[in-house]
């Protein structure tokens, strides 16, 4: 059955992070709290024209609780390193900083009976990255978050978002919708696991195609305020990357 829970805050809940899964949590960090989440991801794709391997790091997300318990400021920075081998052509290597991510998360409603705990992120990237990765324009988006604590150990969550995106041809812009569903299970007081499906659906793109993924991972609470994570995932259709894996660390400071 459904239950009612209080909105989770750092004062009454273990560390809640927005990584390593694709789905962001519906929880804000709490006023006066600074949370730093970072990691590394390796991605591989073998397609009809060649193969691509990518390294992504440090995937840093700064989450700062300010003004109220229900609000947080978010800043994200990352560096990409991509190597592509083209069959019958020349290889291509790209590296550099990605565009800066700026966002605000709002905690909206606590879980009540069968109604989920909800949150909202207003977000955008600004053109600060290297020539290899920047879109040269502001890319706004919105992300609606929802989740249910089914039992003390088992939870279900999801996100629905829409973001402005640049097509693969590097010229045309379109709206990219994304949907995810994740399940979390606490194995022990410190060790947690998750299983997740997510997809990207381009609307009005010339070349970008629908991509779907499945991934799973583990989280381990080193202390109440430090969490280590590891994950791996597979692409479920031809347009998706074949494989990705990564690991990260999250730290909460009062």
C-alpha atoms as a PDB file:
ATOM      1  CA  UNK A   1       0.000   0.000   0.000  1.00  0.00           C
ATOM      2  CA  UNK A   2       0.905   3.667  -0.128  1.00  0.00           C
ATOM      3  CA  UNK A   3       2.242   5.659   2.778  1.00  0.00           C
ATOM      4  CA  UNK A   4       2.933   9.241   3.788  1.00  0.00           C
ATOM      5  CA  UNK A   5       6.470  10.398   4.522  1.00  0.00           C
ATOM      6  CA  UNK A   6       7.973  13.672   5.658  1.00  0.00           C
ATOM      7  CA  UNK A   7      10.013  15.584   3.131  1.00  0.00           C
ATOM      8  CA  UNK A   8      13.578  14.343   3.451  1.00  0.00           C
ATOM      9  CA  UNK A   9      16.212  16.784   4.671  1.00  0.00           C
ATOM     10  CA  UNK A  10      19.869  16.344   5.627  1.00  0.00           C
ATOM     11  CA  UNK A  11      18.866  16.480   9.283  1.00  0.00           C
ATOM     12  CA  UNK A  12      16.746  13.311   9.197  1.00  0.00           C
ATOM     13  CA  UNK A  13      18.019  11.346   6.205  1.00  0.00           C
ATOM     14  CA  UNK A  14      21.288   9.721   5.066  1.00  0.00           C
ATOM     15  CA  UNK A  15      23.179  11.290   2.191  1.00  0.00           C
ATOM     16  CA  UNK A  16      21.025  11.546  -0.966  1.00  0.00           C
ATOM     17  CA  UNK A  17      22.887  12.197  -4.233  1.00  0.00           C
ATOM     18  CA  UNK A  18      22.005  12.900  -7.863  1.00  0.00           C
ATOM     19  CA  UNK A  19      24.517  10.321  -9.092  1.00  0.00           C
ATOM     20  CA  UNK A  20      25.367   7.719 -10.278  1.00  0.00           C
ATOM     21  CA  UNK A  21      22.050   7.054 -12.032  1.00  0.00           C
ATOM     22  CA  UNK A  22      20.607   9.249 -14.773  1.00  0.00           C
ATOM     23  CA  UNK A  23      17.561  10.159 -12.664  1.00  0.00           C
ATOM     24  CA  UNK A  24      18.091  13.142 -10.378  1.00  0.00           C
ATOM     25  CA  UNK A  25      16.684  12.811  -6.860  1.00  0.00           C
ATOM     26  CA  UNK A  26      13.637  14.860  -5.878  1.00  0.00           C
ATOM     27  CA  UNK A  27      15.520  15.929  -2.725  1.00  0.00           C
ATOM     28  CA  UNK A  28      17.292  19.248  -2.171  1.00  0.00           C
ATOM     29  CA  UNK A  29      20.440  19.284  -0.047  1.00  0.00           C
ATOM     30  CA  UNK A  30      18.988  21.616   2.617  1.00  0.00           C
ATOM     31  CA  UNK A  31      19.757  25.215   3.491  1.00  0.00           C
ATOM     32  CA  UNK A  32      23.376  25.868   4.445  1.00  0.00           C
ATOM     33  CA  UNK A  33      24.602  22.579   2.953  1.00  0.00           C
ATOM     34  CA  UNK A  34      27.212  22.269   0.203  1.00  0.00           C
ATOM     35  CA  UNK A  35      27.325  18.937  -1.628  1.00  0.00           C
ATOM     36  CA  UNK A  36      29.994  18.098  -4.210  1.00  0.00           C
ATOM     37  CA  UNK A  37      29.432  15.138  -6.540  1.00  0.00           C
ATOM     38  CA  UNK A  38      32.044  14.035  -9.074  1.00  0.00           C
ATOM     39  CA  UNK A  39      33.145  11.026 -11.072  1.00  0.00           C
ATOM     40  CA  UNK A  40      34.478   9.455 -14.257  1.00  0.00           C
ATOM     41  CA  UNK A  41      32.716   7.670 -17.130  1.00  0.00           C
ATOM     42  CA  UNK A  42      34.095   5.591 -20.005  1.00  0.00           C
ATOM     43  CA  UNK A  43      31.816   5.153 -23.023  1.00  0.00           C
ATOM     44  CA  UNK A  44      32.306   2.875 -26.047  1.00  0.00           C
ATOM     45  CA  UNK A  45      30.346   2.610 -29.294  1.00  0.00           C
ATOM     46  CA  UNK A  46      31.045   0.394 -32.302  1.00  0.00           C
ATOM     47  CA  UNK A  47      28.946   1.542 -35.272  1.00  0.00           C
ATOM     48  CA  UNK A  48      28.866   0.902 -39.034  1.00  0.00           C
ATOM     49  CA  UNK A  49      31.342   3.693 -39.827  1.00  0.00           C
ATOM     50  CA  UNK A  50      33.856   3.034 -37.073  1.00  0.00           C
ATOM     51  CA  UNK A  51      34.221   3.009 -33.301  1.00  0.00           C
ATOM     52  CA  UNK A  52      34.294   5.722 -30.647  1.00  0.00           C
ATOM     53  CA  UNK A  53      35.682   5.688 -27.117  1.00  0.00           C
ATOM     54  CA  UNK A  54      35.080   8.596 -24.735  1.00  0.00           C
ATOM     55  CA  UNK A  55      36.384   9.599 -21.320  1.00  0.00           C
ATOM     56  CA  UNK A  56      34.337  12.017 -19.187  1.00  0.00           C
ATOM     57  CA  UNK A  57      35.684  13.617 -16.003  1.00  0.00           C
ATOM     58  CA  UNK A  58      35.499  15.063 -13.363  1.00  0.00           C
ATOM     59  CA  UNK A  59      31.700  15.366 -13.862  1.00  0.00           C
ATOM     60  CA  UNK A  60      31.670  17.841 -10.976  1.00  0.00           C
ATOM     61  CA  UNK A  61      28.308  19.036  -9.686  1.00  0.00           C
ATOM     62  CA  UNK A  62      28.207  21.654  -6.923  1.00  0.00           C
ATOM     63  CA  UNK A  63      24.876  21.689  -5.045  1.00  0.00           C
ATOM     64  CA  UNK A  64      24.425  24.600  -2.632  1.00  0.00           C
ATOM     65  CA  UNK A  65      21.386  24.846  -0.363  1.00  0.00           C
ATOM     66  CA  UNK A  66      20.422  28.478   0.084  1.00  0.00           C
ATOM     67  CA  UNK A  67      17.470  30.805   0.804  1.00  0.00           C
ATOM     68  CA  UNK A  68      15.227  27.962   2.026  1.00  0.00           C
ATOM     69  CA  UNK A  69      15.214  24.200   2.688  1.00  0.00           C
ATOM     70  CA  UNK A  70      13.401  23.651  -0.601  1.00  0.00           C
ATOM     71  CA  UNK A  71      15.903  25.463  -2.875  1.00  0.00           C
ATOM     72  CA  UNK A  72      19.380  24.645  -4.155  1.00  0.00           C
ATOM     73  CA  UNK A  73      21.739  26.280  -6.639  1.00  0.00           C
ATOM     74  CA  UNK A  74      23.526  23.886  -9.008  1.00  0.00           C
ATOM     75  CA  UNK A  75      26.762  24.354 -10.969  1.00  0.00           C
ATOM     76  CA  UNK A  76      28.300  21.643 -13.121  1.00  0.00           C
ATOM     77  CA  UNK A  77      31.595  21.370 -14.994  1.00  0.00           C
ATOM     78  CA  UNK A  78      33.085  18.553 -17.054  1.00  0.00           C
ATOM     79  CA  UNK A  79      35.900  17.703 -19.460  1.00  0.00           C
ATOM     80  CA  UNK A  80      35.555  15.356 -22.426  1.00  0.00           C
ATOM     81  CA  UNK A  81      38.121  13.292 -24.320  1.00  0.00           C
ATOM     82  CA  UNK A  82      36.889  11.454 -27.417  1.00  0.00           C
ATOM     83  CA  UNK A  83      38.755   9.205 -29.860  1.00  0.00           C
ATOM     84  CA  UNK A  84      37.051   8.025 -33.055  1.00  0.00           C
ATOM     85  CA  UNK A  85      38.395   5.442 -35.488  1.00  0.00           C
ATOM     86  CA  UNK A  86      36.739   5.789 -38.899  1.00  0.00           C
ATOM     87  CA  UNK A  87      36.809   2.765 -41.189  1.00  0.00           C
ATOM     88  CA  UNK A  88      38.409   3.781 -44.495  1.00  0.00           C
ATOM     89  CA  UNK A  89      39.070   7.316 -43.241  1.00  0.00           C
ATOM     90  CA  UNK A  90      41.153   9.362 -40.850  1.00  0.00           C
ATOM     91  CA  UNK A  91      40.954   9.035 -37.085  1.00  0.00           C
ATOM     92  CA  UNK A  92      39.654  11.951 -35.045  1.00  0.00           C
ATOM     93  CA  UNK A  93      40.544  12.948 -31.499  1.00  0.00           C
ATOM     94  CA  UNK A  94      38.678  15.673 -29.602  1.00  0.00           C
ATOM     95  CA  UNK A  95      39.220  16.950 -26.090  1.00  0.00           C
ATOM     96  CA  UNK A  96      38.290  19.985 -24.052  1.00  0.00           C
ATOM     97  CA  UNK A  97      35.971  21.497 -21.485  1.00  0.00           C
ATOM     98  CA  UNK A  98      32.233  21.161 -21.964  1.00  0.00           C
ATOM     99  CA  UNK A  99      29.778  24.027 -21.557  1.00  0.00           C
ATOM    100  CA  UNK A 100      29.095  25.094 -17.959  1.00  0.00           C
ATOM    101  CA  UNK A 101      25.869  23.764 -16.439  1.00  0.00           C
ATOM    102  CA  UNK A 102      23.772  26.096 -14.258  1.00  0.00           C
ATOM    103  CA  UNK A 103      20.539  25.115 -12.544  1.00  0.00           C
ATOM    104  CA  UNK A 104      18.149  25.517  -9.623  1.00  0.00           C
ATOM    105  CA  UNK A 105      16.323  22.664  -7.916  1.00  0.00           C
ATOM    106  CA  UNK A 106      13.017  23.204  -6.118  1.00  0.00           C
ATOM    107  CA  UNK A 107      11.594  20.642  -3.690  1.00  0.00           C
ATOM    108  CA  UNK A 108       7.851  20.728  -4.407  1.00  0.00           C
ATOM    109  CA  UNK A 109       5.794  18.159  -2.477  1.00  0.00           C
ATOM    110  CA  UNK A 110       6.444  15.341   0.019  1.00  0.00           C
ATOM    111  CA  UNK A 111       5.117  11.848  -0.605  1.00  0.00           C
ATOM    112  CA  UNK A 112       1.474  11.613   0.445  1.00  0.00           C
ATOM    113  CA  UNK A 113      -0.439   8.342   0.156  1.00  0.00           C
ATOM    114  CA  UNK A 114       0.053   7.311  -3.491  1.00  0.00           C
ATOM    115  CA  UNK A 115       1.193  10.765  -4.602  1.00  0.00           C
ATOM    116  CA  UNK A 116       4.984  10.935  -5.099  1.00  0.00           C
ATOM    117  CA  UNK A 117       7.573  13.203  -3.587  1.00  0.00           C
ATOM    118  CA  UNK A 118       8.293  15.729  -6.351  1.00  0.00           C
ATOM    119  CA  UNK A 119      10.883  18.274  -7.380  1.00  0.00           C
ATOM    120  CA  UNK A 120      11.705  20.511 -10.322  1.00  0.00           C
ATOM    121  CA  UNK A 121      15.001  21.580 -11.880  1.00  0.00           C
ATOM    122  CA  UNK A 122      15.272  24.649 -14.104  1.00  0.00           C
ATOM    123  CA  UNK A 123      18.570  24.267 -15.937  1.00  0.00           C
ATOM    124  CA  UNK A 124      20.726  25.430 -18.804  1.00  0.00           C
ATOM    125  CA  UNK A 125      24.206  25.221 -20.263  1.00  0.00           C
ATOM    126  CA  UNK A 126      26.073  28.393 -21.180  1.00  0.00           C
ATOM    127  CA  UNK A 127      28.662  28.571 -24.018  1.00  0.00           C
ATOM    128  CA  UNK A 128      31.912  28.440 -22.053  1.00  0.00           C
ATOM    129  CA  UNK A 129      33.349  25.179 -23.410  1.00  0.00           C
ATOM    130  CA  UNK A 130      36.121  24.462 -25.886  1.00  0.00           C
ATOM    131  CA  UNK A 131      35.440  24.618 -29.619  1.00  0.00           C
ATOM    132  CA  UNK A 132      35.155  20.826 -29.783  1.00  0.00           C
ATOM    133  CA  UNK A 133      32.245  20.637 -27.333  1.00  0.00           C
ATOM    134  CA  UNK A 134      30.495  24.007 -27.051  1.00  0.00           C
ATOM    135  CA  UNK A 135      27.123  24.655 -28.690  1.00  0.00           C
ATOM    136  CA  UNK A 136      27.913  28.402 -28.871  1.00  0.00           C
ATOM    137  CA  UNK A 137      24.452  29.181 -27.484  1.00  0.00           C
ATOM    138  CA  UNK A 138      22.512  29.014 -24.210  1.00  0.00           C
ATOM    139  CA  UNK A 139      20.659  25.677 -23.984  1.00  0.00           C
ATOM    140  CA  UNK A 140      17.759  25.883 -21.479  1.00  0.00           C
ATOM    141  CA  UNK A 141      15.772  22.980 -20.122  1.00  0.00           C
ATOM    142  CA  UNK A 142      13.405  21.750 -17.414  1.00  0.00           C
ATOM    143  CA  UNK A 143      13.432  18.483 -15.446  1.00  0.00           C
ATOM    144  CA  UNK A 144      10.444  17.203 -13.414  1.00  0.00           C
ATOM    145  CA  UNK A 145      11.349  14.677 -10.699  1.00  0.00           C
ATOM    146  CA  UNK A 146       9.216  12.220  -8.722  1.00  0.00           C
ATOM    147  CA  UNK A 147       9.754   9.307  -6.386  1.00  0.00           C
ATOM    148  CA  UNK A 148       8.132   6.919  -3.917  1.00  0.00           C
ATOM    149  CA  UNK A 149       9.540   5.198  -0.832  1.00  0.00           C
ATOM    150  CA  UNK A 150       7.668   1.892  -1.119  1.00  0.00           C
ATOM    151  CA  UNK A 151       9.311   0.258   1.923  1.00  0.00           C
ATOM    152  CA  UNK A 152      12.248   1.129   4.157  1.00  0.00           C
ATOM    153  CA  UNK A 153      14.568  -0.626   1.676  1.00  0.00           C
ATOM    154  CA  UNK A 154      12.845  -0.208  -1.719  1.00  0.00           C
ATOM    155  CA  UNK A 155      12.153   2.988  -3.678  1.00  0.00           C
ATOM    156  CA  UNK A 156      10.973   3.935  -7.167  1.00  0.00           C
ATOM    157  CA  UNK A 157      11.699   7.184  -8.984  1.00  0.00           C
ATOM    158  CA  UNK A 158      11.654   8.845 -12.353  1.00  0.00           C
ATOM    159  CA  UNK A 159      12.246  12.018 -14.300  1.00  0.00           C
ATOM    160  CA  UNK A 160      10.693  13.691 -17.321  1.00  0.00           C
ATOM    161  CA  UNK A 161      12.646  16.474 -18.976  1.00  0.00           C
ATOM    162  CA  UNK A 162      12.900  18.633 -22.075  1.00  0.00           C
ATOM    163  CA  UNK A 163      16.084  20.427 -23.142  1.00  0.00           C
ATOM    164  CA  UNK A 164      17.252  22.437 -26.118  1.00  0.00           C
ATOM    165  CA  UNK A 165      19.871  20.424 -28.015  1.00  0.00           C
ATOM    166  CA  UNK A 166      22.203  20.755 -31.007  1.00  0.00           C
ATOM    167  CA  UNK A 167      21.782  18.212 -33.786  1.00  0.00           C
ATOM    168  CA  UNK A 168      24.577  15.844 -34.759  1.00  0.00           C
ATOM    169  CA  UNK A 169      25.135  17.892 -37.914  1.00  0.00           C
ATOM    170  CA  UNK A 170      26.321  20.780 -35.719  1.00  0.00           C
ATOM    171  CA  UNK A 171      23.914  23.242 -37.320  1.00  0.00           C
ATOM    172  CA  UNK A 172      20.292  22.668 -36.306  1.00  0.00           C
ATOM    173  CA  UNK A 173      18.704  22.964 -32.857  1.00  0.00           C
ATOM    174  CA  UNK A 174      15.795  20.889 -31.583  1.00  0.00           C
ATOM    175  CA  UNK A 175      13.991  19.885 -28.378  1.00  0.00           C
ATOM    176  CA  UNK A 176      15.252  16.696 -26.765  1.00  0.00           C
ATOM    177  CA  UNK A 177      12.861  14.905 -24.414  1.00  0.00           C
ATOM    178  CA  UNK A 178      14.248  12.456 -21.871  1.00  0.00           C
ATOM    179  CA  UNK A 179      12.443   9.921 -19.684  1.00  0.00           C
ATOM    180  CA  UNK A 180      13.772   7.665 -16.951  1.00  0.00           C
ATOM    181  CA  UNK A 181      12.555   5.110 -14.422  1.00  0.00           C
ATOM    182  CA  UNK A 182      14.792   3.870 -11.608  1.00  0.00           C
ATOM    183  CA  UNK A 183      14.434   1.472  -8.706  1.00  0.00           C
ATOM    184  CA  UNK A 184      16.614   1.544  -5.610  1.00  0.00           C
ATOM    185  CA  UNK A 185      17.165  -1.198  -3.054  1.00  0.00           C
ATOM    186  CA  UNK A 186      19.110  -0.929   0.182  1.00  0.00           C
ATOM    187  CA  UNK A 187      21.197  -4.083   0.642  1.00  0.00           C
ATOM    188  CA  UNK A 188      22.588  -2.991   4.032  1.00  0.00           C
ATOM    189  CA  UNK A 189      22.627   0.250   6.014  1.00  0.00           C
ATOM    190  CA  UNK A 190      25.616   1.395   3.953  1.00  0.00           C
ATOM    191  CA  UNK A 191      25.335  -0.499   0.660  1.00  0.00           C
ATOM    192  CA  UNK A 192      22.654   0.383  -1.888  1.00  0.00           C
ATOM    193  CA  UNK A 193      21.823  -0.719  -5.435  1.00  0.00           C
ATOM    194  CA  UNK A 194      19.766   0.576  -8.332  1.00  0.00           C
ATOM    195  CA  UNK A 195      18.445  -0.550 -11.731  1.00  0.00           C
ATOM    196  CA  UNK A 196      17.381   2.019 -14.298  1.00  0.00           C
ATOM    197  CA  UNK A 197      16.021   2.554 -17.806  1.00  0.00           C
ATOM    198  CA  UNK A 198      16.299   5.897 -19.579  1.00  0.00           C
ATOM    199  CA  UNK A 199      15.843   7.246 -23.085  1.00  0.00           C
ATOM    200  CA  UNK A 200      16.358  10.341 -25.246  1.00  0.00           C
ATOM    201  CA  UNK A 201      13.707  11.298 -27.806  1.00  0.00           C
ATOM    202  CA  UNK A 202      14.582  14.095 -30.267  1.00  0.00           C
ATOM    203  CA  UNK A 203      11.734  16.220 -31.614  1.00  0.00           C
ATOM    204  CA  UNK A 204      12.425  17.947 -34.928  1.00  0.00           C
ATOM    205  CA  UNK A 205      16.019  16.747 -35.335  1.00  0.00           C
ATOM    206  CA  UNK A 206      17.474  16.076 -38.777  1.00  0.00           C
ATOM    207  CA  UNK A 207      19.969  13.375 -37.768  1.00  0.00           C
ATOM    208  CA  UNK A 208      19.704  12.677 -33.995  1.00  0.00           C
ATOM    209  CA  UNK A 209      17.757   9.493 -33.227  1.00  0.00           C
ATOM    210  CA  UNK A 210      15.965   7.948 -30.262  1.00  0.00           C
ATOM    211  CA  UNK A 211      18.397   6.334 -27.799  1.00  0.00           C
ATOM    212  CA  UNK A 212      17.523   3.915 -25.001  1.00  0.00           C
ATOM    213  CA  UNK A 213      19.708   2.576 -22.188  1.00  0.00           C
ATOM    214  CA  UNK A 214      19.686   0.221 -19.225  1.00  0.00           C
ATOM    215  CA  UNK A 215      22.139   0.595 -16.353  1.00  0.00           C
ATOM    216  CA  UNK A 216      22.722  -0.584 -12.802  1.00  0.00           C
ATOM    217  CA  UNK A 217      25.055   0.340  -9.997  1.00  0.00           C
ATOM    218  CA  UNK A 218      26.059   0.268  -6.344  1.00  0.00           C
ATOM    219  CA  UNK A 219      26.496   3.014  -3.759  1.00  0.00           C
ATOM    220  CA  UNK A 220      28.451   2.706  -0.522  1.00  0.00           C
ATOM    221  CA  UNK A 221      28.301   5.146   2.396  1.00  0.00           C
ATOM    222  CA  UNK A 222      31.884   5.498   3.638  1.00  0.00           C
ATOM    223  CA  UNK A 223      30.575   7.891   6.300  1.00  0.00           C
ATOM    224  CA  UNK A 224      27.224   9.642   6.776  1.00  0.00           C
ATOM    225  CA  UNK A 225      28.509  12.429   4.499  1.00  0.00           C
ATOM    226  CA  UNK A 226      30.737  10.585   1.981  1.00  0.00           C
ATOM    227  CA  UNK A 227      29.449   8.158  -0.659  1.00  0.00           C
ATOM    228  CA  UNK A 228      31.289   6.095  -3.285  1.00  0.00           C
ATOM    229  CA  UNK A 229      29.489   4.762  -6.362  1.00  0.00           C
ATOM    230  CA  UNK A 230      30.058   2.491  -9.340  1.00  0.00           C
ATOM    231  CA  UNK A 231      27.839   1.809 -12.359  1.00  0.00           C
ATOM    232  CA  UNK A 232      27.671   0.162 -15.788  1.00  0.00           C
ATOM    233  CA  UNK A 233      25.152   0.338 -18.614  1.00  0.00           C
ATOM    234  CA  UNK A 234      24.236  -0.903 -22.078  1.00  0.00           C
ATOM    235  CA  UNK A 235      22.600   0.696 -25.093  1.00  0.00           C
ATOM    236  CA  UNK A 236      19.301  -0.975 -26.007  1.00  0.00           C
ATOM    237  CA  UNK A 237      19.059   0.141 -29.638  1.00  0.00           C
ATOM    238  CA  UNK A 238      21.353   0.804 -32.593  1.00  0.00           C
ATOM    239  CA  UNK A 239      21.515   4.578 -32.157  1.00  0.00           C
ATOM    240  CA  UNK A 240      22.587   4.284 -28.504  1.00  0.00           C
ATOM    241  CA  UNK A 241      26.193   3.880 -27.341  1.00  0.00           C
ATOM    242  CA  UNK A 242      27.078   0.223 -26.841  1.00  0.00           C
ATOM    243  CA  UNK A 243      28.488   0.385 -23.310  1.00  0.00           C
ATOM    244  CA  UNK A 244      29.440   2.740 -20.492  1.00  0.00           C
ATOM    245  CA  UNK A 245      30.878   2.379 -17.010  1.00  0.00           C
ATOM    246  CA  UNK A 246      32.077   4.727 -14.323  1.00  0.00           C
ATOM    247  CA  UNK A 247      32.662   5.513 -10.689  1.00  0.00           C
ATOM    248  CA  UNK A 248      32.365   8.564  -8.462  1.00  0.00           C
ATOM    249  CA  UNK A 249      32.490  10.162  -5.040  1.00  0.00           C
ATOM    250  CA  UNK A 250      30.037  12.505  -3.306  1.00  0.00           C
ATOM    251  CA  UNK A 251      30.777  14.664  -0.242  1.00  0.00           C
ATOM    252  CA  UNK A 252      28.304  16.634   1.898  1.00  0.00           C
ATOM    253  CA  UNK A 253      29.497  19.585   4.006  1.00  0.00           C
ATOM    254  CA  UNK A 254      27.534  21.611   6.540  1.00  0.00           C
END
